[in-house]
Protein backbone atom coordinates (compact mmCIF):
# COMPACT_ATOMS: atom_id res chain seq x y z
CA MET A 1 42.00 -20.94 132.96
CA SER A 2 40.52 -17.71 131.59
CA LEU A 3 42.64 -15.22 129.67
CA TRP A 4 42.32 -12.73 132.54
CA ARG A 5 43.49 -15.24 135.13
CA LEU A 6 46.38 -16.27 132.88
CA LEU A 7 47.43 -12.65 132.36
CA LEU A 8 47.15 -11.77 136.03
CA ASN A 9 49.06 -14.92 136.94
CA ARG A 10 51.86 -13.95 134.53
CA LEU A 11 51.92 -10.46 136.00
CA GLY A 12 52.13 -11.90 139.51
CA ILE A 13 48.80 -10.43 140.54
CA PRO A 14 46.73 -12.75 142.74
CA TYR A 15 43.21 -13.33 141.51
CA GLY A 16 40.66 -11.95 144.01
CA GLY A 17 37.61 -12.97 142.00
CA HIS A 18 34.92 -11.39 144.18
CA ALA A 19 32.95 -8.41 142.97
CA ARG A 20 32.78 -5.42 145.29
CA ARG A 21 30.62 -3.08 143.24
CA ASP A 22 29.30 -4.15 139.87
CA PRO A 23 28.85 -7.95 139.69
CA ALA A 24 29.71 -7.84 135.97
CA ILE A 25 33.18 -6.46 136.78
CA ARG A 26 35.84 -8.47 138.56
CA TYR A 27 38.22 -6.79 140.96
CA TYR A 28 41.63 -8.09 141.94
CA GLU A 29 43.68 -7.75 145.07
CA LEU A 30 47.24 -6.54 144.70
CA GLY A 31 50.14 -7.60 146.86
CA GLU A 32 51.45 -4.86 149.15
CA ASN A 33 54.62 -4.20 147.11
CA LEU A 34 52.72 -4.07 143.84
CA HIS A 35 50.10 -1.78 145.37
CA LEU A 36 52.78 0.61 146.68
CA THR A 37 54.47 0.65 143.28
CA LEU A 38 51.14 1.40 141.62
CA GLN A 39 50.50 4.23 144.10
CA ASP A 40 53.94 5.74 143.47
CA LEU A 41 53.63 5.54 139.68
CA ALA A 42 50.12 7.02 139.75
CA ALA A 43 51.32 9.90 141.93
CA GLN A 44 54.31 10.55 139.65
CA GLU A 45 52.06 10.65 136.60
CA GLY A 46 49.27 12.61 138.32
CA ARG A 47 46.73 9.88 137.58
CA THR A 48 44.39 7.75 139.63
CA GLU A 49 45.53 4.26 140.56
CA GLU A 50 42.51 2.79 138.76
CA ASP A 51 43.34 4.66 135.55
CA LEU A 52 46.99 3.59 135.66
CA ALA A 53 46.08 -0.02 136.52
CA SER A 54 43.65 -0.11 133.61
CA ASP A 55 46.35 1.17 131.20
CA LEU A 56 48.91 -1.31 132.54
CA LEU A 57 46.50 -4.20 132.11
CA ALA A 58 45.66 -3.07 128.57
CA ARG A 59 49.39 -2.85 127.74
CA GLY A 60 49.93 -6.28 129.27
CA LEU A 61 47.17 -7.74 127.13
CA SER A 62 48.60 -6.07 124.06
CA GLU A 63 52.03 -7.54 124.84
CA TYR A 64 50.45 -10.94 125.46
CA TYR A 65 48.70 -10.90 122.09
CA SER A 66 51.74 -9.60 120.22
CA THR A 67 53.90 -12.34 121.78
CA ASP A 68 51.29 -14.93 120.79
CA GLU A 69 51.18 -13.52 117.25
CA LEU A 70 54.98 -13.56 117.05
CA TRP A 71 55.03 -17.20 118.19
CA GLN A 72 52.43 -18.19 115.58
CA LYS A 73 54.50 -16.57 112.84
CA TRP A 74 57.63 -18.29 114.18
CA GLU A 75 55.85 -21.65 114.02
CA ALA A 76 54.99 -20.95 110.36
CA LEU A 77 58.68 -20.69 109.41
CA SER A 78 60.48 -23.63 107.86
CA PRO A 79 63.22 -25.21 109.99
CA ARG A 80 65.91 -23.56 107.83
CA GLU A 81 64.19 -20.16 108.06
CA ARG A 82 64.17 -20.53 111.85
CA GLU A 83 67.89 -21.28 111.85
CA VAL A 84 68.65 -18.25 109.69
CA ALA A 85 66.39 -16.01 111.80
CA ALA A 86 67.90 -17.24 115.07
CA LEU A 87 71.48 -16.77 113.90
CA THR A 88 70.61 -13.33 112.50
CA CYS A 89 69.18 -12.38 115.91
CA LEU A 90 72.43 -13.58 117.49
CA GLY A 91 74.30 -11.05 115.35
CA PHE A 92 75.79 -13.36 112.73
CA THR A 93 76.44 -11.93 109.26
CA ASN A 94 75.01 -13.66 106.19
CA ARG A 95 78.45 -15.08 105.37
CA GLN A 96 78.87 -16.42 108.91
CA ILE A 97 75.41 -17.99 108.78
CA ALA A 98 76.21 -19.55 105.41
CA PHE A 99 79.44 -21.03 106.77
CA HIS A 100 77.75 -22.20 109.99
CA LEU A 101 74.91 -23.93 108.09
CA GLY A 102 76.95 -25.15 105.12
CA ILE A 103 74.87 -23.24 102.57
CA SER A 104 75.60 -20.36 100.21
CA ALA A 105 75.31 -16.71 101.22
CA ASP A 106 72.69 -16.29 98.48
CA THR A 107 70.60 -19.05 100.04
CA VAL A 108 70.87 -17.27 103.40
CA LYS A 109 69.66 -14.06 101.72
CA THR A 110 66.68 -15.91 100.26
CA HIS A 111 65.73 -17.44 103.60
CA LEU A 112 66.18 -14.10 105.35
CA ARG A 113 64.04 -12.33 102.75
CA ASN A 114 61.31 -14.97 103.30
CA VAL A 115 61.50 -14.50 107.09
CA LEU A 116 61.26 -10.73 106.81
CA THR A 117 58.28 -11.04 104.46
CA LYS A 118 56.46 -13.46 106.77
CA PHE A 119 56.98 -11.10 109.73
CA GLN A 120 56.23 -8.00 107.64
CA LEU A 121 59.61 -6.53 108.54
CA HIS A 122 62.09 -4.64 106.39
CA SER A 123 65.53 -5.24 107.87
CA LYS A 124 67.70 -7.41 110.07
CA SER A 125 67.60 -4.75 112.76
CA GLU A 126 63.79 -4.84 112.79
CA LEU A 127 63.97 -8.63 113.09
CA ARG A 128 66.37 -8.33 116.04
CA LEU A 129 64.06 -5.81 117.72
CA ALA A 130 61.02 -8.04 117.22
CA PHE A 131 62.82 -10.92 118.95
CA ALA A 132 64.75 -8.86 121.49
CA GLY A 133 63.29 -10.81 124.43
CA TRP A 134 63.94 -14.26 122.98
CA ASP A 135 66.94 -16.42 123.90
CA PHE A 136 68.55 -17.92 120.81
CA SER A 137 71.73 -19.12 122.53
CA ALA A 138 70.80 -22.78 121.94
CA TRP A 139 71.10 -22.16 118.18
CA MET A 140 74.83 -21.44 118.48
CA GLY A 141 75.81 -25.11 118.38
CA GLN A 142 73.35 -26.17 115.69
CA GLY A 143 74.12 -26.52 112.03
């Protein structure tokens, strides 16, 4: 499946696939509700539907790539770094993480510093923001 089809599928936009104007450009049909929403948003912003749709698709692609990049960085973490990152995102303090994992607070700090470096982040709050959409609830019982 092409990247465009995958993105449109994730956005819930049916793939039309047939060119209406330029054969090099693909056009897509929108469901009625999505089309009405697009019309309303375009009117509110004083923009054309095509311009707004183009921006939304570009933002969707950007989100898709940033999520993919985040996942690749996550996969590069050691199992212990993942545990520390997950528990940090759940709001645990370093001491609580240390107790939960049976390691020292200094070891937690080291793992956390490594995680932040690998993600090019500077703080726990930045880490939590980066993973705001992820569900780490399964990590609660591990350790």
